[in-house]
Amino acid sequence: MKLSTVDLDHIESEIGMSLPIDVRNKYMESNGFVSPDNAQLLFSYKTDPSADIIDFNKYLQSEEWLPESLKGLVVVGIDGVGGNIGYDHRIKKGVLWYPVEGGHYDMVAESVSDIWEAVITNYEESS
C-alpha cells in the first residue's frame, strides 16, 4: 500500500513535525520497508501497532527521559540492533541514535536515505 499526501499530512499533524522529503517519497512508494534482516527501517502507518510511525513518535515525545536536545527528532524506523533512524529538524540531517548512549547521535548524514543505505550496507557486510 502506498501512502497519499493526505496520509502523510495526517502523520505530520499527529506527530507535530514534518517528514523530510526522502521519507515522504519512500512512503509514496510503500507503507514502510524492512532491512534484509527484517528490521523496520521505515515504520508503517496504520498497519502494525508495534511499528506505527505515529504511535512510536508520540510515545517517544511523552517520555521524560528524552533529552531536550532531541525534541526535534522524528523517528522513522529502527536498525534492528537498538538504533533509531530519524531526522533531526534542529540540524536538518538524517541520524542514527541509540537511546542507551544518551543524547548524542552515532551517525549523522545528509538525509535519512543515507542512513538507510549505511544500515543496509552494514547488514550486507555482516552477512
PDB file of N, CA and C in Angstrom:
ATOM      1  N   MET A   1       0.837  -1.182   0.000  1.00  0.00           N
ATOM      2  CA  MET A   1       0.000   0.000   0.000  1.00  0.00           C
ATOM      3  C   MET A   1       0.885   1.250   0.000  1.00  0.00           C
ATOM      4  N   LYS A   2       0.628   2.127  -0.901  1.00  0.00           N
ATOM      5  CA  LYS A   2       1.318   3.414  -0.950  1.00  0.00           C
ATOM      6  C   LYS A   2       0.514   4.418  -0.141  1.00  0.00           C
ATOM      7  N   LEU A   3       1.206   5.382   0.453  1.00  0.00           N
ATOM      8  CA  LEU A   3       0.500   6.423   1.192  1.00  0.00           C
ATOM      9  C   LEU A   3       0.225   7.617   0.276  1.00  0.00           C
ATOM     10  N   SER A   4      -0.846   8.309   0.584  1.00  0.00           N
ATOM     11  CA  SER A   4      -1.217   9.510  -0.158  1.00  0.00           C
ATOM     12  C   SER A   4      -0.674  10.740   0.568  1.00  0.00           C
ATOM     13  N   THR A   5      -0.749  11.866  -0.087  1.00  0.00           N
ATOM     14  CA  THR A   5      -0.337  13.106   0.579  1.00  0.00           C
ATOM     15  C   THR A   5      -1.244  13.404   1.769  1.00  0.00           C
ATOM     16  N   VAL A   6      -2.498  12.992   1.693  1.00  0.00           N
ATOM     17  CA  VAL A   6      -3.420  13.163   2.832  1.00  0.00           C
ATOM     18  C   VAL A   6      -2.920  12.342   4.019  1.00  0.00           C
ATOM     19  N   ASP A   7      -2.505  11.087   3.769  1.00  0.00           N
ATOM     20  CA  ASP A   7      -1.946  10.243   4.832  1.00  0.00           C
ATOM     21  C   ASP A   7      -0.700  10.892   5.441  1.00  0.00           C
ATOM     22  N   LEU A   8       0.175  11.375   4.584  1.00  0.00           N
ATOM     23  CA  LEU A   8       1.418  11.985   5.056  1.00  0.00           C
ATOM     24  C   LEU A   8       1.146  13.252   5.862  1.00  0.00           C
ATOM     25  N   ASP A   9       0.216  14.044   5.405  1.00  0.00           N
ATOM     26  CA  ASP A   9      -0.161  15.245   6.154  1.00  0.00           C
ATOM     27  C   ASP A   9      -0.729  14.876   7.523  1.00  0.00           C
ATOM     28  N   HIS A  10      -1.492  13.794   7.578  1.00  0.00           N
ATOM     29  CA  HIS A  10      -2.054  13.330   8.845  1.00  0.00           C
ATOM     30  C   HIS A  10      -0.933  12.884   9.799  1.00  0.00           C
ATOM     31  N   ILE A  11       0.030  12.137   9.283  1.00  0.00           N
ATOM     32  CA  ILE A  11       1.166  11.714  10.108  1.00  0.00           C
ATOM     33  C   ILE A  11       1.859  12.937  10.692  1.00  0.00           C
ATOM     34  N   GLU A  12       2.162  13.903   9.846  1.00  0.00           N
ATOM     35  CA  GLU A  12       2.865  15.103  10.299  1.00  0.00           C
ATOM     36  C   GLU A  12       2.047  15.878  11.326  1.00  0.00           C
ATOM     37  N   SER A  13       0.771  15.958  11.116  1.00  0.00           N
ATOM     38  CA  SER A  13      -0.106  16.649  12.064  1.00  0.00           C
ATOM     39  C   SER A  13      -0.103  15.947  13.418  1.00  0.00           C
ATOM     40  N   GLU A  14      -0.177  14.635  13.401  1.00  0.00           N
ATOM     41  CA  GLU A  14      -0.230  13.860  14.646  1.00  0.00           C
ATOM     42  C   GLU A  14       1.074  13.914  15.432  1.00  0.00           C
ATOM     43  N   ILE A  15       2.207  13.882  14.738  1.00  0.00           N
ATOM     44  CA  ILE A  15       3.488  13.891  15.466  1.00  0.00           C
ATOM     45  C   ILE A  15       4.015  15.306  15.690  1.00  0.00           C
ATOM     46  N   GLY A  16       3.395  16.285  15.041  1.00  0.00           N
ATOM     47  CA  GLY A  16       3.779  17.666  15.266  1.00  0.00           C
ATOM     48  C   GLY A  16       5.080  18.078  14.600  1.00  0.00           C
ATOM     49  N   MET A  17       5.513  17.303  13.626  1.00  0.00           N
ATOM     50  CA  MET A  17       6.734  17.615  12.884  1.00  0.00           C
ATOM     51  C   MET A  17       6.578  17.141  11.451  1.00  0.00           C
ATOM     52  N   SER A  18       7.251  17.828  10.543  1.00  0.00           N
ATOM     53  CA  SER A  18       7.207  17.397   9.149  1.00  0.00           C
ATOM     54  C   SER A  18       8.163  16.232   8.922  1.00  0.00           C
ATOM     55  N   LEU A  19       7.871  15.476   7.887  1.00  0.00           N
ATOM     56  CA  LEU A  19       8.760  14.403   7.450  1.00  0.00           C
ATOM     57  C   LEU A  19       9.673  14.960   6.362  1.00  0.00           C
ATOM     58  N   PRO A  20      10.936  14.556   6.349  1.00  0.00           N
ATOM     59  CA  PRO A  20      11.809  15.031   5.272  1.00  0.00           C
ATOM     60  C   PRO A  20      11.334  14.472   3.930  1.00  0.00           C
ATOM     61  N   ILE A  21      11.716  15.138   2.877  1.00  0.00           N
ATOM     62  CA  ILE A  21      11.219  14.798   1.543  1.00  0.00           C
ATOM     63  C   ILE A  21      11.560  13.365   1.146  1.00  0.00           C
ATOM     64  N   ASP A  22      12.732  12.856   1.504  1.00  0.00           N
ATOM     65  CA  ASP A  22      13.063  11.491   1.111  1.00  0.00           C
ATOM     66  C   ASP A  22      12.175  10.469   1.820  1.00  0.00           C
ATOM     67  N   VAL A  23      11.781  10.762   3.047  1.00  0.00           N
ATOM     68  CA  VAL A  23      10.876   9.871   3.773  1.00  0.00           C
ATOM     69  C   VAL A  23       9.475   9.952   3.164  1.00  0.00           C
ATOM     70  N   ARG A  24       9.025  11.157   2.869  1.00  0.00           N
ATOM     71  CA  ARG A  24       7.718  11.311   2.201  1.00  0.00           C
ATOM     72  C   ARG A  24       7.710  10.532   0.882  1.00  0.00           C
ATOM     73  N   ASN A  25       8.779  10.654   0.111  1.00  0.00           N
ATOM     74  CA  ASN A  25       8.853   9.951  -1.169  1.00  0.00           C
ATOM     75  C   ASN A  25       8.817   8.438  -0.985  1.00  0.00           C
ATOM     76  N   LYS A  26       9.515   7.938   0.033  1.00  0.00           N
ATOM     77  CA  LYS A  26       9.525   6.494   0.289  1.00  0.00           C
ATOM     78  C   LYS A  26       8.121   6.016   0.649  1.00  0.00           C
ATOM     79  N   TYR A  27       7.408   6.798   1.466  1.00  0.00           N
ATOM     80  CA  TYR A  27       6.027   6.434   1.805  1.00  0.00           C
ATOM     81  C   TYR A  27       5.112   6.463   0.577  1.00  0.00           C
ATOM     82  N   MET A  28       5.424   7.294  -0.392  1.00  0.00           N
ATOM     83  CA  MET A  28       4.612   7.336  -1.612  1.00  0.00           C
ATOM     84  C   MET A  28       4.846   6.079  -2.461  1.00  0.00           C
ATOM     85  N   GLU A  29       5.947   5.356  -2.167  1.00  0.00           N
ATOM     86  CA  GLU A  29       6.239   4.088  -2.854  1.00  0.00           C
ATOM     87  C   GLU A  29       5.692   2.892  -2.092  1.00  0.00           C
ATOM     88  N   SER A  30       5.742   2.959  -0.741  1.00  0.00           N
ATOM     89  CA  SER A  30       5.304   1.819   0.072  1.00  0.00           C
ATOM     90  C   SER A  30       5.034   2.267   1.506  1.00  0.00           C
ATOM     91  N   ASN A  31       4.224   1.500   2.182  1.00  0.00           N
ATOM     92  CA  ASN A  31       3.891   1.801   3.576  1.00  0.00           C
ATOM     93  C   ASN A  31       4.886   1.087   4.484  1.00  0.00           C
ATOM     94  N   GLY A  32       6.087   1.647   4.572  1.00  0.00           N
ATOM     95  CA  GLY A  32       7.151   1.061   5.366  1.00  0.00           C
ATOM     96  C   GLY A  32       8.015   0.127   4.540  1.00  0.00           C
ATOM     97  N   PHE A  33       9.198  -0.176   5.073  1.00  0.00           N
ATOM     98  CA  PHE A  33      10.033  -1.201   4.463  1.00  0.00           C
ATOM     99  C   PHE A  33      11.009  -1.738   5.491  1.00  0.00           C
ATOM    100  N   VAL A  34      11.502  -2.954   5.212  1.00  0.00           N
ATOM    101  CA  VAL A  34      12.369  -3.649   6.162  1.00  0.00           C
ATOM    102  C   VAL A  34      13.729  -3.938   5.551  1.00  0.00           C
ATOM    103  N   SER A  35      14.712  -4.147   6.435  1.00  0.00           N
ATOM    104  CA  SER A  35      16.068  -4.488   6.021  1.00  0.00           C
ATOM    105  C   SER A  35      16.139  -5.967   5.639  1.00  0.00           C
ATOM    106  N   PRO A  36      17.273  -6.403   5.125  1.00  0.00           N
ATOM    107  CA  PRO A  36      17.431  -7.833   4.824  1.00  0.00           C
ATOM    108  C   PRO A  36      17.213  -8.728   6.053  1.00  0.00           C
ATOM    109  N   ASP A  37      17.433  -8.182   7.249  1.00  0.00           N
ATOM    110  CA  ASP A  37      17.227  -8.947   8.479  1.00  0.00           C
ATOM    111  C   ASP A  37      15.898  -8.615   9.157  1.00  0.00           C
ATOM    112  N   ASN A  38      14.984  -8.031   8.409  1.00  0.00           N
ATOM    113  CA  ASN A  38      13.633  -7.697   8.875  1.00  0.00           C
ATOM    114  C   ASN A  38      13.558  -6.602   9.929  1.00  0.00           C
ATOM    115  N   ALA A  39      14.526  -5.728   9.988  1.00  0.00           N
ATOM    116  CA  ALA A  39      14.416  -4.541  10.843  1.00  0.00           C
ATOM    117  C   ALA A  39      13.497  -3.544  10.136  1.00  0.00           C
ATOM    118  N   GLN A  40      12.631  -2.908  10.884  1.00  0.00           N
ATOM    119  CA  GLN A  40      11.654  -1.970  10.322  1.00  0.00           C
ATOM    120  C   GLN A  40      12.352  -0.631  10.032  1.00  0.00           C
ATOM    121  N   LEU A  41      13.038  -0.524   8.894  1.00  0.00           N
ATOM    122  CA  LEU A  41      13.784   0.684   8.541  1.00  0.00           C
ATOM    123  C   LEU A  41      12.872   1.890   8.364  1.00  0.00           C
ATOM    124  N   LEU A  42      11.660   1.652   7.909  1.00  0.00           N
ATOM    125  CA  LEU A  42      10.646   2.701   7.801  1.00  0.00           C
ATOM    126  C   LEU A  42       9.371   2.162   8.434  1.00  0.00           C
ATOM    127  N   PHE A  43       8.948   2.805   9.508  1.00  0.00           N
ATOM    128  CA  PHE A  43       7.733   2.374  10.190  1.00  0.00           C
ATOM    129  C   PHE A  43       6.540   2.423   9.250  1.00  0.00           C
ATOM    130  N   SER A  44       5.561   1.596   9.547  1.00  0.00           N
ATOM    131  CA  SER A  44       4.327   1.585   8.773  1.00  0.00           C
ATOM    132  C   SER A  44       3.357   2.640   9.321  1.00  0.00           C
ATOM    133  N   TYR A  45       2.261   2.773   8.641  1.00  0.00           N
ATOM    134  CA  TYR A  45       1.194   3.693   9.045  1.00  0.00           C
ATOM    135  C   TYR A  45      -0.114   2.919   9.054  1.00  0.00           C
ATOM    136  N   LYS A  46      -0.689   2.775  10.238  1.00  0.00           N
ATOM    137  CA  LYS A  46      -1.986   2.128  10.438  1.00  0.00           C
ATOM    138  C   LYS A  46      -2.045   0.649  10.086  1.00  0.00           C
ATOM    139  N   THR A  47      -0.919  -0.046   9.983  1.00  0.00           N
ATOM    140  CA  THR A  47      -0.989  -1.474   9.659  1.00  0.00           C
ATOM    141  C   THR A  47      -0.427  -2.359  10.767  1.00  0.00           C
ATOM    142  N   ASP A  48       0.533  -1.857  11.525  1.00  0.00           N
ATOM    143  CA  ASP A  48       1.175  -2.656  12.568  1.00  0.00           C
ATOM    144  C   ASP A  48       1.374  -1.781  13.797  1.00  0.00           C
ATOM    145  N   PRO A  49       0.543  -1.968  14.836  1.00  0.00           N
ATOM    146  CA  PRO A  49       0.644  -1.116  16.025  1.00  0.00           C
ATOM    147  C   PRO A  49       2.029  -1.133  16.689  1.00  0.00           C
ATOM    148  N   SER A  50       2.770  -2.211  16.521  1.00  0.00           N
ATOM    149  CA  SER A  50       4.100  -2.269  17.145  1.00  0.00           C
ATOM    150  C   SER A  50       5.147  -1.498  16.351  1.00  0.00           C
ATOM    151  N   ALA A  51       4.822  -1.110  15.123  1.00  0.00           N
ATOM    152  CA  ALA A  51       5.775  -0.370  14.282  1.00  0.00           C
ATOM    153  C   ALA A  51       5.083   0.777  13.556  1.00  0.00           C
ATOM    154  N   ASP A  52       4.206   1.465  14.262  1.00  0.00           N
ATOM    155  CA  ASP A  52       3.463   2.571  13.666  1.00  0.00           C
ATOM    156  C   ASP A  52       4.199   3.888  13.918  1.00  0.00           C
ATOM    157  N   ILE A  53       4.409   4.653  12.878  1.00  0.00           N
ATOM    158  CA  ILE A  53       5.191   5.883  12.998  1.00  0.00           C
ATOM    159  C   ILE A  53       4.563   6.883  13.966  1.00  0.00           C
ATOM    160  N   ILE A  54       3.243   6.996  13.959  1.00  0.00           N
ATOM    161  CA  ILE A  54       2.590   7.947  14.868  1.00  0.00           C
ATOM    162  C   ILE A  54       2.722   7.471  16.312  1.00  0.00           C
ATOM    163  N   ASP A  55       2.371   6.221  16.560  1.00  0.00           N
ATOM    164  CA  ASP A  55       2.430   5.690  17.931  1.00  0.00           C
ATOM    165  C   ASP A  55       3.837   5.773  18.505  1.00  0.00           C
ATOM    166  N   PHE A  56       4.841   5.412  17.695  1.00  0.00           N
ATOM    167  CA  PHE A  56       6.219   5.426  18.194  1.00  0.00           C
ATOM    168  C   PHE A  56       6.645   6.835  18.574  1.00  0.00           C
ATOM    169  N   ASN A  57       6.375   7.799  17.704  1.00  0.00           N
ATOM    170  CA  ASN A  57       6.809   9.171  17.980  1.00  0.00           C
ATOM    171  C   ASN A  57       6.041   9.816  19.119  1.00  0.00           C
ATOM    172  N   LYS A  58       4.760   9.535  19.243  1.00  0.00           N
ATOM    173  CA  LYS A  58       4.004  10.062  20.381  1.00  0.00           C
ATOM    174  C   LYS A  58       4.537   9.485  21.688  1.00  0.00           C
ATOM    175  N   TYR A  59       4.832   8.194  21.687  1.00  0.00           N
ATOM    176  CA  TYR A  59       5.413   7.561  22.871  1.00  0.00           C
ATOM    177  C   TYR A  59       6.749   8.222  23.219  1.00  0.00           C
ATOM    178  N   LEU A  60       7.623   8.329  22.242  1.00  0.00           N
ATOM    179  CA  LEU A  60       8.954   8.896  22.481  1.00  0.00           C
ATOM    180  C   LEU A  60       8.856  10.320  23.008  1.00  0.00           C
ATOM    181  N   GLN A  61       8.024  11.138  22.411  1.00  0.00           N
ATOM    182  CA  GLN A  61       7.904  12.533  22.823  1.00  0.00           C
ATOM    183  C   GLN A  61       7.297  12.686  24.211  1.00  0.00           C
ATOM    184  N   SER A  62       6.586  11.663  24.675  1.00  0.00           N
ATOM    185  CA  SER A  62       5.973  11.729  26.002  1.00  0.00           C
ATOM    186  C   SER A  62       6.929  11.298  27.120  1.00  0.00           C
ATOM    187  N   GLU A  63       8.057  10.737  26.752  1.00  0.00           N
ATOM    188  CA  GLU A  63       8.994  10.219  27.743  1.00  0.00           C
ATOM    189  C   GLU A  63       9.788  11.348  28.409  1.00  0.00           C
ATOM    190  N   GLU A  64       9.781  11.358  29.722  1.00  0.00           N
ATOM    191  CA  GLU A  64      10.501  12.384  30.479  1.00  0.00           C
ATOM    192  C   GLU A  64      12.012  12.269  30.328  1.00  0.00           C
ATOM    193  N   TRP A  65      12.509  11.062  30.059  1.00  0.00           N
ATOM    194  CA  TRP A  65      13.950  10.854  29.955  1.00  0.00           C
ATOM    195  C   TRP A  65      14.528  11.366  28.634  1.00  0.00           C
ATOM    196  N   LEU A  66      13.662  11.679  27.658  1.00  0.00           N
ATOM    197  CA  LEU A  66      14.157  12.153  26.367  1.00  0.00           C
ATOM    198  C   LEU A  66      14.846  13.502  26.554  1.00  0.00           C
ATOM    199  N   PRO A  67      16.144  13.579  26.199  1.00  0.00           N
ATOM    200  CA  PRO A  67      16.857  14.844  26.362  1.00  0.00           C
ATOM    201  C   PRO A  67      16.211  15.977  25.563  1.00  0.00           C
ATOM    202  N   GLU A  68      16.234  17.156  26.102  1.00  0.00           N
ATOM    203  CA  GLU A  68      15.669  18.334  25.439  1.00  0.00           C
ATOM    204  C   GLU A  68      16.284  18.521  24.050  1.00  0.00           C
ATOM    205  N   SER A  69      17.552  18.170  23.906  1.00  0.00           N
ATOM    206  CA  SER A  69      18.244  18.333  22.629  1.00  0.00           C
ATOM    207  C   SER A  69      17.683  17.434  21.527  1.00  0.00           C
ATOM    208  N   LEU A  70      16.863  16.436  21.909  1.00  0.00           N
ATOM    209  CA  LEU A  70      16.303  15.520  20.915  1.00  0.00           C
ATOM    210  C   LEU A  70      14.818  15.761  20.652  1.00  0.00           C
ATOM    211  N   LYS A  71      14.286  16.856  21.160  1.00  0.00           N
ATOM    212  CA  LYS A  71      12.865  17.149  20.973  1.00  0.00           C
ATOM    213  C   LYS A  71      12.518  17.441  19.510  1.00  0.00           C
ATOM    214  N   GLY A  72      13.493  17.750  18.674  1.00  0.00           N
ATOM    215  CA  GLY A  72      13.251  17.992  17.252  1.00  0.00           C
ATOM    216  C   GLY A  72      13.462  16.766  16.392  1.00  0.00           C
ATOM    217  N   LEU A  73      13.582  15.598  17.041  1.00  0.00           N
ATOM    218  CA  LEU A  73      13.838  14.348  16.325  1.00  0.00           C
ATOM    219  C   LEU A  73      12.530  13.649  15.977  1.00  0.00           C
ATOM    220  N   VAL A  74      12.359  13.317  14.704  1.00  0.00           N
ATOM    221  CA  VAL A  74      11.263  12.451  14.296  1.00  0.00           C
ATOM    222  C   VAL A  74      11.895  11.113  13.918  1.00  0.00           C
ATOM    223  N   VAL A  75      11.464  10.047  14.600  1.00  0.00           N
ATOM    224  CA  VAL A  75      11.994   8.712  14.337  1.00  0.00           C
ATOM    225  C   VAL A  75      11.119   8.052  13.287  1.00  0.00           C
ATOM    226  N   VAL A  76      11.757   7.564  12.226  1.00  0.00           N
ATOM    227  CA  VAL A  76      11.007   6.956  11.127  1.00  0.00           C
ATOM    228  C   VAL A  76      11.178   5.448  11.052  1.00  0.00           C
ATOM    229  N   GLY A  77      12.148   4.895  11.793  1.00  0.00           N
ATOM    230  CA  GLY A  77      12.383   3.455  11.757  1.00  0.00           C
ATOM    231  C   GLY A  77      13.447   3.049  12.750  1.00  0.00           C
ATOM    232  N   ILE A  78      13.792   1.764  12.707  1.00  0.00           N
ATOM    233  CA  ILE A  78      14.818   1.222  13.596  1.00  0.00           C
ATOM    234  C   ILE A  78      15.810   0.402  12.785  1.00  0.00           C
ATOM    235  N   ASP A  79      17.006   0.217  13.365  1.00  0.00           N
ATOM    236  CA  ASP A  79      18.018  -0.546  12.641  1.00  0.00           C
ATOM    237  C   ASP A  79      18.072  -2.022  13.035  1.00  0.00           C
ATOM    238  N   GLY A  80      17.276  -2.427  14.004  1.00  0.00           N
ATOM    239  CA  GLY A  80      17.220  -3.828  14.408  1.00  0.00           C
ATOM    240  C   GLY A  80      18.187  -4.215  15.500  1.00  0.00           C
ATOM    241  N   VAL A  81      19.072  -3.305  15.890  1.00  0.00           N
ATOM    242  CA  VAL A  81      20.038  -3.598  16.963  1.00  0.00           C
ATOM    243  C   VAL A  81      20.051  -2.472  17.996  1.00  0.00           C
ATOM    244  N   GLY A  82      18.900  -1.863  18.201  1.00  0.00           N
ATOM    245  CA  GLY A  82      18.767  -0.847  19.239  1.00  0.00           C
ATOM    246  C   GLY A  82      18.837   0.588  18.770  1.00  0.00           C
ATOM    247  N   GLY A  83      19.075   0.790  17.487  1.00  0.00           N
ATOM    248  CA  GLY A  83      19.195   2.152  16.967  1.00  0.00           C
ATOM    249  C   GLY A  83      17.910   2.655  16.354  1.00  0.00           C
ATOM    250  N   ASN A  84      17.676   3.942  16.495  1.00  0.00           N
ATOM    251  CA  ASN A  84      16.529   4.623  15.900  1.00  0.00           C
ATOM    252  C   ASN A  84      17.005   5.449  14.713  1.00  0.00           C
ATOM    253  N   ILE A  85      16.326   5.286  13.603  1.00  0.00           N
ATOM    254  CA  ILE A  85      16.633   6.031  12.386  1.00  0.00           C
ATOM    255  C   ILE A  85      15.674   7.215  12.323  1.00  0.00           C
ATOM    256  N   GLY A  86      16.215   8.396  12.120  1.00  0.00           N
ATOM    257  CA  GLY A  86      15.325   9.546  12.124  1.00  0.00           C
ATOM    258  C   GLY A  86      15.889  10.759  11.428  1.00  0.00           C
ATOM    259  N   TYR A  87      15.181  11.849  11.649  1.00  0.00           N
ATOM    260  CA  TYR A  87      15.559  13.141  11.080  1.00  0.00           C
ATOM    261  C   TYR A  87      15.484  14.168  12.189  1.00  0.00           C
ATOM    262  N   ASP A  88      16.580  14.900  12.375  1.00  0.00           N
ATOM    263  CA  ASP A  88      16.624  15.926  13.408  1.00  0.00           C
ATOM    264  C   ASP A  88      16.385  17.280  12.749  1.00  0.00           C
ATOM    265  N   HIS A  89      15.259  17.889  13.090  1.00  0.00           N
ATOM    266  CA  HIS A  89      14.900  19.177  12.497  1.00  0.00           C
ATOM    267  C   HIS A  89      15.828  20.303  12.933  1.00  0.00           C
ATOM    268  N   ARG A  90      16.469  20.178  14.076  1.00  0.00           N
ATOM    269  CA  ARG A  90      17.377  21.239  14.531  1.00  0.00           C
ATOM    270  C   ARG A  90      18.584  21.356  13.622  1.00  0.00           C
ATOM    271  N   ILE A  91      19.147  20.202  13.223  1.00  0.00           N
ATOM    272  CA  ILE A  91      20.356  20.210  12.398  1.00  0.00           C
ATOM    273  C   ILE A  91      20.063  19.895  10.931  1.00  0.00           C
ATOM    274  N   LYS A  92      18.805  19.534  10.654  1.00  0.00           N
ATOM    275  CA  LYS A  92      18.356  19.229   9.286  1.00  0.00           C
ATOM    276  C   LYS A  92      19.193  18.122   8.635  1.00  0.00           C
ATOM    277  N   LYS A  93      19.324  17.013   9.392  1.00  0.00           N
ATOM    278  CA  LYS A  93      20.114  15.865   8.927  1.00  0.00           C
ATOM    279  C   LYS A  93      19.419  14.563   9.301  1.00  0.00           C
ATOM    280  N   GLY A  94      19.734  13.515   8.548  1.00  0.00           N
ATOM    281  CA  GLY A  94      19.337  12.170   8.915  1.00  0.00           C
ATOM    282  C   GLY A  94      20.256  11.699  10.029  1.00  0.00           C
ATOM    283  N   VAL A  95      19.719  10.892  10.953  1.00  0.00           N
ATOM    284  CA  VAL A  95      20.515  10.471  12.109  1.00  0.00           C
ATOM    285  C   VAL A  95      20.230   9.011  12.464  1.00  0.00           C
ATOM    286  N   LEU A  96      21.210   8.419  13.141  1.00  0.00           N
ATOM    287  CA  LEU A  96      21.061   7.114  13.770  1.00  0.00           C
ATOM    288  C   LEU A  96      21.367   7.322  15.240  1.00  0.00           C
ATOM    289  N   TRP A  97      20.389   7.020  16.096  1.00  0.00           N
ATOM    290  CA  TRP A  97      20.501   7.313  17.522  1.00  0.00           C
ATOM    291  C   TRP A  97      20.217   6.067  18.345  1.00  0.00           C
ATOM    292  N   TYR A  98      21.148   5.742  19.236  1.00  0.00           N
ATOM    293  CA  TYR A  98      20.975   4.641  20.178  1.00  0.00           C
ATOM    294  C   TYR A  98      20.637   5.240  21.539  1.00  0.00           C
ATOM    295  N   PRO A  99      19.401   5.068  22.021  1.00  0.00           N
ATOM    296  CA  PRO A  99      18.996   5.678  23.293  1.00  0.00           C
ATOM    297  C   PRO A  99      19.905   5.327  24.474  1.00  0.00           C
ATOM    298  N   VAL A 100      20.483   4.132  24.469  1.00  0.00           N
ATOM    299  CA  VAL A 100      21.353   3.748  25.589  1.00  0.00           C
ATOM    300  C   VAL A 100      22.616   4.600  25.651  1.00  0.00           C
ATOM    301  N   GLU A 101      22.924   5.288  24.561  1.00  0.00           N
ATOM    302  CA  GLU A 101      24.118   6.135  24.524  1.00  0.00           C
ATOM    303  C   GLU A 101      23.824   7.582  24.897  1.00  0.00           C
ATOM    304  N   GLY A 102      22.586   7.874  25.270  1.00  0.00           N
ATOM    305  CA  GLY A 102      22.253   9.231  25.705  1.00  0.00           C
ATOM    306  C   GLY A 102      21.824  10.125  24.568  1.00  0.00           C
ATOM    307  N   GLY A 103      22.172  11.406  24.690  1.00  0.00           N
ATOM    308  CA  GLY A 103      21.678  12.423  23.785  1.00  0.00           C
ATOM    309  C   GLY A 103      22.530  12.722  22.582  1.00  0.00           C
ATOM    310  N   HIS A 104      23.477  11.850  22.238  1.00  0.00           N
ATOM    311  CA  HIS A 104      24.265  12.118  21.027  1.00  0.00           C
ATOM    312  C   HIS A 104      23.962  11.061  19.965  1.00  0.00           C
ATOM    313  N   TYR A 105      24.250  11.393  18.716  1.00  0.00           N
ATOM    314  CA  TYR A 105      23.973  10.510  17.595  1.00  0.00           C
ATOM    315  C   TYR A 105      25.194   9.671  17.254  1.00  0.00           C
ATOM    316  N   ASP A 106      24.933   8.427  16.870  1.00  0.00           N
ATOM    317  CA  ASP A 106      26.005   7.542  16.427  1.00  0.00           C
ATOM    318  C   ASP A 106      26.409   7.860  14.995  1.00  0.00           C
ATOM    319  N   MET A 107      25.440   8.318  14.217  1.00  0.00           N
ATOM    320  CA  MET A 107      25.718   8.654  12.822  1.00  0.00           C
ATOM    321  C   MET A 107      24.848   9.841  12.418  1.00  0.00           C
ATOM    322  N   VAL A 108      25.434  10.745  11.654  1.00  0.00           N
ATOM    323  CA  VAL A 108      24.718  11.889  11.092  1.00  0.00           C
ATOM    324  C   VAL A 108      25.028  11.909   9.601  1.00  0.00           C
ATOM    325  N   ALA A 109      23.985  12.077   8.782  1.00  0.00           N
ATOM    326  CA  ALA A 109      24.176  12.089   7.332  1.00  0.00           C
ATOM    327  C   ALA A 109      23.292  13.168   6.715  1.00  0.00           C
ATOM    328  N   GLU A 110      23.512  13.437   5.463  1.00  0.00           N
ATOM    329  CA  GLU A 110      22.750  14.476   4.774  1.00  0.00           C
ATOM    330  C   GLU A 110      21.258  14.169   4.730  1.00  0.00           C
ATOM    331  N   SER A 111      20.906  12.895   4.706  1.00  0.00           N
ATOM    332  CA  SER A 111      19.493  12.533   4.587  1.00  0.00           C
ATOM    333  C   SER A 111      19.211  11.228   5.324  1.00  0.00           C
ATOM    334  N   VAL A 112      17.933  10.956   5.521  1.00  0.00           N
ATOM    335  CA  VAL A 112      17.537   9.662   6.085  1.00  0.00           C
ATOM    336  C   VAL A 112      17.896   8.554   5.104  1.00  0.00           C
ATOM    337  N   SER A 113      17.783   8.821   3.816  1.00  0.00           N
ATOM    338  CA  SER A 113      18.154   7.817   2.808  1.00  0.00           C
ATOM    339  C   SER A 113      19.605   7.387   2.966  1.00  0.00           C
ATOM    340  N   ASP A 114      20.478   8.323   3.294  1.00  0.00           N
ATOM    341  CA  ASP A 114      21.887   7.979   3.530  1.00  0.00           C
ATOM    342  C   ASP A 114      22.036   7.076   4.747  1.00  0.00           C
ATOM    343  N   ILE A 115      21.233   7.307   5.773  1.00  0.00           N
ATOM    344  CA  ILE A 115      21.261   6.446   6.961  1.00  0.00           C
ATOM    345  C   ILE A 115      20.766   5.055   6.587  1.00  0.00           C
ATOM    346  N   TRP A 116      19.653   4.972   5.847  1.00  0.00           N
ATOM    347  CA  TRP A 116      19.153   3.666   5.406  1.00  0.00           C
ATOM    348  C   TRP A 116      20.224   2.914   4.632  1.00  0.00           C
ATOM    349  N   GLU A 117      20.878   3.606   3.718  1.00  0.00           N
ATOM    350  CA  GLU A 117      21.909   2.972   2.896  1.00  0.00           C
ATOM    351  C   GLU A 117      23.047   2.438   3.766  1.00  0.00           C
ATOM    352  N   ALA A 118      23.468   3.214   4.750  1.00  0.00           N
ATOM    353  CA  ALA A 118      24.552   2.779   5.640  1.00  0.00           C
ATOM    354  C   ALA A 118      24.136   1.559   6.466  1.00  0.00           C
ATOM    355  N   VAL A 119      22.913   1.555   6.948  1.00  0.00           N
ATOM    356  CA  VAL A 119      22.413   0.420   7.748  1.00  0.00           C
ATOM    357  C   VAL A 119      22.333  -0.833   6.872  1.00  0.00           C
ATOM    358  N   ILE A 120      21.797  -0.702   5.668  1.00  0.00           N
ATOM    359  CA  ILE A 120      21.694  -1.854   4.763  1.00  0.00           C
ATOM    360  C   ILE A 120      23.073  -2.363   4.392  1.00  0.00           C
ATOM    361  N   THR A 121      24.003  -1.465   4.100  1.00  0.00           N
ATOM    362  CA  THR A 121      25.371  -1.855   3.787  1.00  0.00           C
ATOM    363  C   THR A 121      25.991  -2.612   4.950  1.00  0.00           C
ATOM    364  N   ASN A 122      25.749  -2.158   6.155  1.00  0.00           N
ATOM    365  CA  ASN A 122      26.276  -2.845   7.343  1.00  0.00           C
ATOM    366  C   ASN A 122      25.713  -4.268   7.449  1.00  0.00           C
ATOM    367  N   TYR A 123      24.423  -4.429   7.166  1.00  0.00           N
ATOM    368  CA  TYR A 123      23.822  -5.770   7.172  1.00  0.00           C
ATOM    369  C   TYR A 123      24.492  -6.654   6.128  1.00  0.00           C
ATOM    370  N   GLU A 124      24.683  -6.116   4.941  1.00  0.00           N
ATOM    371  CA  GLU A 124      25.284  -6.912   3.842  1.00  0.00           C
ATOM    372  C   GLU A 124      26.719  -7.301   4.177  1.00  0.00           C
ATOM    373  N   GLU A 125      27.468  -6.396   4.774  1.00  0.00           N
ATOM    374  CA  GLU A 125      28.865  -6.703   5.122  1.00  0.00           C
ATOM    375  C   GLU A 125      28.962  -7.673   6.290  1.00  0.00           C
ATOM    376  N   SER A 126      27.960  -7.686   7.162  1.00  0.00           N
ATOM    377  CA  SER A 126      27.964  -8.573   8.329  1.00  0.00           C
ATOM    378  C   SER A 126      27.468  -9.974   7.997  1.00  0.00           C
ATOM    379  N   SER A 127      26.818 -10.125   6.857  1.00  0.00           N
ATOM    380  CA  SER A 127      26.233 -11.432   6.487  1.00  0.00           C
ATOM    381  C   SER A 127      27.243 -12.350   5.856  1.00  0.00           C
TER     382      SER A 127
END
